[in-house]
Amino acid sequence: MDRKTEKLLERIEKTGVRKSLREGQVLGREGLLAMKVQIVPNYLRIALGVGSMVSGIFSYLHWIWNAPELSLLLAVAALILFVFSIFGIRRTLSKVLEGMDTTSGVELLEAAVEGVFSAVGAIFEGV
């Protein structure tokens, strides 16, 4: 697996474990395919947050310099960037797998199911 797929697998496993713990049982295949996974990398979300701060600062400066039209435009851009930096973009696992080729998708799903089952199974066996 390439680095991007490995990171996606880590996010899928982490999300699957959290959802399984919330529901109190190990998720089945349908539950895993229906869960939402963050697809925007963390470094990009941090960059969007920094861009939001910069846009907000320039918005304030343009407000002071009596350019309210540009200030409003920059404020809207800052708000949009801020929302994407906080929430990112989430897709269901089934949508993520649709965008991949069949072999990679099957390998990713098998690895995710195995990782979630081993982590959550060990937690529930100890209870």
C-alpha atoms as a PDB file:
ATOM      1  CA  MET A   1       0.000   0.000   0.000  1.00  0.00           C
ATOM      2  CA  ASP A   2       1.148   3.508  -0.684  1.00  0.00           C
ATOM      3  CA  ARG A   3       1.455   6.177   2.017  1.00  0.00           C
ATOM      4  CA  LYS A   4      -1.896   7.811   1.186  1.00  0.00           C
ATOM      5  CA  THR A   5      -3.755   4.504   1.492  1.00  0.00           C
ATOM      6  CA  GLU A   6      -1.985   3.706   4.771  1.00  0.00           C
ATOM      7  CA  LYS A   7      -3.074   7.051   6.250  1.00  0.00           C
ATOM      8  CA  LEU A   8      -6.627   6.440   5.050  1.00  0.00           C
ATOM      9  CA  LEU A   9      -6.538   2.985   6.646  1.00  0.00           C
ATOM     10  CA  GLU A  10      -5.430   4.519   9.966  1.00  0.00           C
ATOM     11  CA  ARG A  11      -8.329   7.005   9.841  1.00  0.00           C
ATOM     12  CA  ILE A  12     -10.795   4.242   8.973  1.00  0.00           C
ATOM     13  CA  GLU A  13      -9.592   2.057  11.846  1.00  0.00           C
ATOM     14  CA  LYS A  14      -9.703   4.910  14.335  1.00  0.00           C
ATOM     15  CA  THR A  15     -13.207   5.913  13.246  1.00  0.00           C
ATOM     16  CA  GLY A  16     -14.379   2.295  13.305  1.00  0.00           C
ATOM     17  CA  VAL A  17     -13.083   1.737  16.828  1.00  0.00           C
ATOM     18  CA  ARG A  18     -14.752   4.927  18.088  1.00  0.00           C
ATOM     19  CA  LYS A  19     -18.069   4.041  16.466  1.00  0.00           C
ATOM     20  CA  SER A  20     -17.919   0.459  17.780  1.00  0.00           C
ATOM     21  CA  LEU A  21     -17.270   1.684  21.309  1.00  0.00           C
ATOM     22  CA  ARG A  22     -20.152   4.155  21.067  1.00  0.00           C
ATOM     23  CA  GLU A  23     -22.542   1.458  19.873  1.00  0.00           C
ATOM     24  CA  GLY A  24     -21.245  -1.127  22.363  1.00  0.00           C
ATOM     25  CA  GLN A  25     -20.638  -3.821  19.749  1.00  0.00           C
ATOM     26  CA  VAL A  26     -18.295  -4.656  16.914  1.00  0.00           C
ATOM     27  CA  LEU A  27     -19.459  -3.107  13.647  1.00  0.00           C
ATOM     28  CA  GLY A  28     -20.460  -5.368  10.790  1.00  0.00           C
ATOM     29  CA  ARG A  29     -19.572  -4.846   7.154  1.00  0.00           C
ATOM     30  CA  GLU A  30     -22.617  -2.629   6.556  1.00  0.00           C
ATOM     31  CA  GLY A  31     -21.791  -0.513   9.606  1.00  0.00           C
ATOM     32  CA  LEU A  32     -18.246   0.030   8.387  1.00  0.00           C
ATOM     33  CA  LEU A  33     -19.380   0.949   4.882  1.00  0.00           C
ATOM     34  CA  ALA A  34     -21.885   3.468   6.290  1.00  0.00           C
ATOM     35  CA  MET A  35     -19.478   5.247   8.644  1.00  0.00           C
ATOM     36  CA  LYS A  36     -18.094   8.629   7.637  1.00  0.00           C
ATOM     37  CA  VAL A  37     -14.325   9.017   7.290  1.00  0.00           C
ATOM     38  CA  GLN A  38     -12.292  12.234   7.161  1.00  0.00           C
ATOM     39  CA  ILE A  39     -10.616  12.395   3.742  1.00  0.00           C
ATOM     40  CA  VAL A  40      -8.800  15.739   4.045  1.00  0.00           C
ATOM     41  CA  PRO A  41      -5.248  15.265   5.389  1.00  0.00           C
ATOM     42  CA  ASN A  42      -4.346  17.014   8.638  1.00  0.00           C
ATOM     43  CA  TYR A  43      -1.625  19.167   7.068  1.00  0.00           C
ATOM     44  CA  LEU A  44      -4.149  20.562   4.587  1.00  0.00           C
ATOM     45  CA  ARG A  45      -6.629  21.322   7.368  1.00  0.00           C
ATOM     46  CA  ILE A  46      -3.882  23.160   9.278  1.00  0.00           C
ATOM     47  CA  ALA A  47      -3.004  25.119   6.126  1.00  0.00           C
ATOM     48  CA  LEU A  48      -6.678  26.060   5.722  1.00  0.00           C
ATOM     49  CA  GLY A  49      -6.747  27.264   9.335  1.00  0.00           C
ATOM     50  CA  VAL A  50      -3.676  29.419   8.783  1.00  0.00           C
ATOM     51  CA  GLY A  51      -5.198  30.767   5.570  1.00  0.00           C
ATOM     52  CA  SER A  52      -8.353  31.598   7.506  1.00  0.00           C
ATOM     53  CA  MET A  53      -6.368  33.566  10.079  1.00  0.00           C
ATOM     54  CA  VAL A  54      -4.442  35.463   7.394  1.00  0.00           C
ATOM     55  CA  SER A  55      -7.637  36.257   5.505  1.00  0.00           C
ATOM     56  CA  GLY A  56      -9.269  37.434   8.727  1.00  0.00           C
ATOM     57  CA  ILE A  57      -6.338  39.723   9.519  1.00  0.00           C
ATOM     58  CA  PHE A  58      -6.409  41.236   6.031  1.00  0.00           C
ATOM     59  CA  SER A  59     -10.178  41.635   6.327  1.00  0.00           C
ATOM     60  CA  TYR A  60      -9.714  43.639   9.522  1.00  0.00           C
ATOM     61  CA  LEU A  61      -6.951  45.744   7.987  1.00  0.00           C
ATOM     62  CA  HIS A  62      -9.057  46.554   4.939  1.00  0.00           C
ATOM     63  CA  TRP A  63     -11.946  47.526   7.227  1.00  0.00           C
ATOM     64  CA  ILE A  64      -9.633  49.979   8.990  1.00  0.00           C
ATOM     65  CA  TRP A  65      -8.380  51.306   5.630  1.00  0.00           C
ATOM     66  CA  ASN A  66     -11.983  52.069   4.555  1.00  0.00           C
ATOM     67  CA  ALA A  67     -12.350  49.328   1.958  1.00  0.00           C
ATOM     68  CA  PRO A  68     -15.511  47.607   3.262  1.00  0.00           C
ATOM     69  CA  GLU A  69     -16.267  45.687   0.042  1.00  0.00           C
ATOM     70  CA  LEU A  70     -12.905  43.937   0.032  1.00  0.00           C
ATOM     71  CA  SER A  71     -13.111  43.519   3.793  1.00  0.00           C
ATOM     72  CA  LEU A  72     -16.447  41.720   3.495  1.00  0.00           C
ATOM     73  CA  LEU A  73     -15.114  39.466   0.733  1.00  0.00           C
ATOM     74  CA  LEU A  74     -12.063  38.537   2.813  1.00  0.00           C
ATOM     75  CA  ALA A  75     -14.242  37.928   5.887  1.00  0.00           C
ATOM     76  CA  VAL A  76     -16.429  35.502   3.935  1.00  0.00           C
ATOM     77  CA  ALA A  77     -13.325  33.734   2.613  1.00  0.00           C
ATOM     78  CA  ALA A  78     -11.950  33.508   6.151  1.00  0.00           C
ATOM     79  CA  LEU A  79     -15.203  32.009   7.403  1.00  0.00           C
ATOM     80  CA  ILE A  80     -15.306  29.401   4.622  1.00  0.00           C
ATOM     81  CA  LEU A  81     -11.668  28.435   5.177  1.00  0.00           C
ATOM     82  CA  PHE A  82     -12.278  28.218   8.925  1.00  0.00           C
ATOM     83  CA  VAL A  83     -15.257  25.886   8.487  1.00  0.00           C
ATOM     84  CA  PHE A  84     -13.258  23.572   6.205  1.00  0.00           C
ATOM     85  CA  SER A  85     -10.289  23.594   8.584  1.00  0.00           C
ATOM     86  CA  ILE A  86     -12.498  22.562  11.515  1.00  0.00           C
ATOM     87  CA  PHE A  87     -14.807  20.036   9.845  1.00  0.00           C
ATOM     88  CA  GLY A  88     -12.854  18.983   6.765  1.00  0.00           C
ATOM     89  CA  ILE A  89     -14.641  16.784   4.271  1.00  0.00           C
ATOM     90  CA  ARG A  90     -16.179  13.511   5.348  1.00  0.00           C
ATOM     91  CA  ARG A  91     -17.321  10.754   3.024  1.00  0.00           C
ATOM     92  CA  THR A  92     -18.863   7.389   3.760  1.00  0.00           C
ATOM     93  CA  LEU A  93     -16.463   4.506   3.412  1.00  0.00           C
ATOM     94  CA  SER A  94     -18.555   3.100   0.559  1.00  0.00           C
ATOM     95  CA  LYS A  95     -18.076   6.371  -1.401  1.00  0.00           C
ATOM     96  CA  VAL A  96     -14.327   6.297  -0.732  1.00  0.00           C
ATOM     97  CA  LEU A  97     -14.098   2.713  -1.981  1.00  0.00           C
ATOM     98  CA  GLU A  98     -16.089   3.564  -5.129  1.00  0.00           C
ATOM     99  CA  GLY A  99     -13.344   5.984  -6.128  1.00  0.00           C
ATOM    100  CA  MET A 100     -10.620   3.345  -5.827  1.00  0.00           C
ATOM    101  CA  ASP A 101      -9.827   0.453  -8.131  1.00  0.00           C
ATOM    102  CA  THR A 102     -11.337  -2.873  -7.095  1.00  0.00           C
ATOM    103  CA  THR A 103      -8.151  -4.555  -5.879  1.00  0.00           C
ATOM    104  CA  SER A 104      -7.036  -1.649  -3.707  1.00  0.00           C
ATOM    105  CA  GLY A 105     -10.556  -1.164  -2.363  1.00  0.00           C
ATOM    106  CA  VAL A 106     -10.893  -4.802  -1.340  1.00  0.00           C
ATOM    107  CA  GLU A 107      -7.445  -4.809   0.295  1.00  0.00           C
ATOM    108  CA  LEU A 108      -8.252  -1.586   2.157  1.00  0.00           C
ATOM    109  CA  LEU A 109     -11.626  -2.882   3.358  1.00  0.00           C
ATOM    110  CA  GLU A 110     -10.125  -6.214   4.497  1.00  0.00           C
ATOM    111  CA  ALA A 111      -7.338  -4.454   6.384  1.00  0.00           C
ATOM    112  CA  ALA A 112      -9.813  -2.029   7.975  1.00  0.00           C
ATOM    113  CA  VAL A 113     -12.190  -4.795   9.064  1.00  0.00           C
ATOM    114  CA  GLU A 114      -9.304  -6.814  10.477  1.00  0.00           C
ATOM    115  CA  GLY A 115      -7.887  -3.812  12.342  1.00  0.00           C
ATOM    116  CA  VAL A 116     -11.227  -2.734  13.811  1.00  0.00           C
ATOM    117  CA  PHE A 117     -12.209  -6.291  14.805  1.00  0.00           C
ATOM    118  CA  SER A 118      -8.876  -6.954  16.508  1.00  0.00           C
ATOM    119  CA  ALA A 119      -8.877  -3.672  18.433  1.00  0.00           C
ATOM    120  CA  VAL A 120     -12.531  -3.696  19.457  1.00  0.00           C
ATOM    121  CA  GLY A 121     -12.669  -7.447  20.017  1.00  0.00           C
ATOM    122  CA  ALA A 122      -9.808  -7.207  22.511  1.00  0.00           C
ATOM    123  CA  ILE A 123     -11.594  -4.375  24.348  1.00  0.00           C
ATOM    124  CA  PHE A 124     -14.917  -6.230  24.559  1.00  0.00           C
ATOM    125  CA  GLU A 125     -13.253  -9.512  25.623  1.00  0.00           C
ATOM    126  CA  GLY A 126     -11.690  -7.734  28.602  1.00  0.00           C
ATOM    127  CA  VAL A 127     -15.088  -6.447  29.768  1.00  0.00           C
END
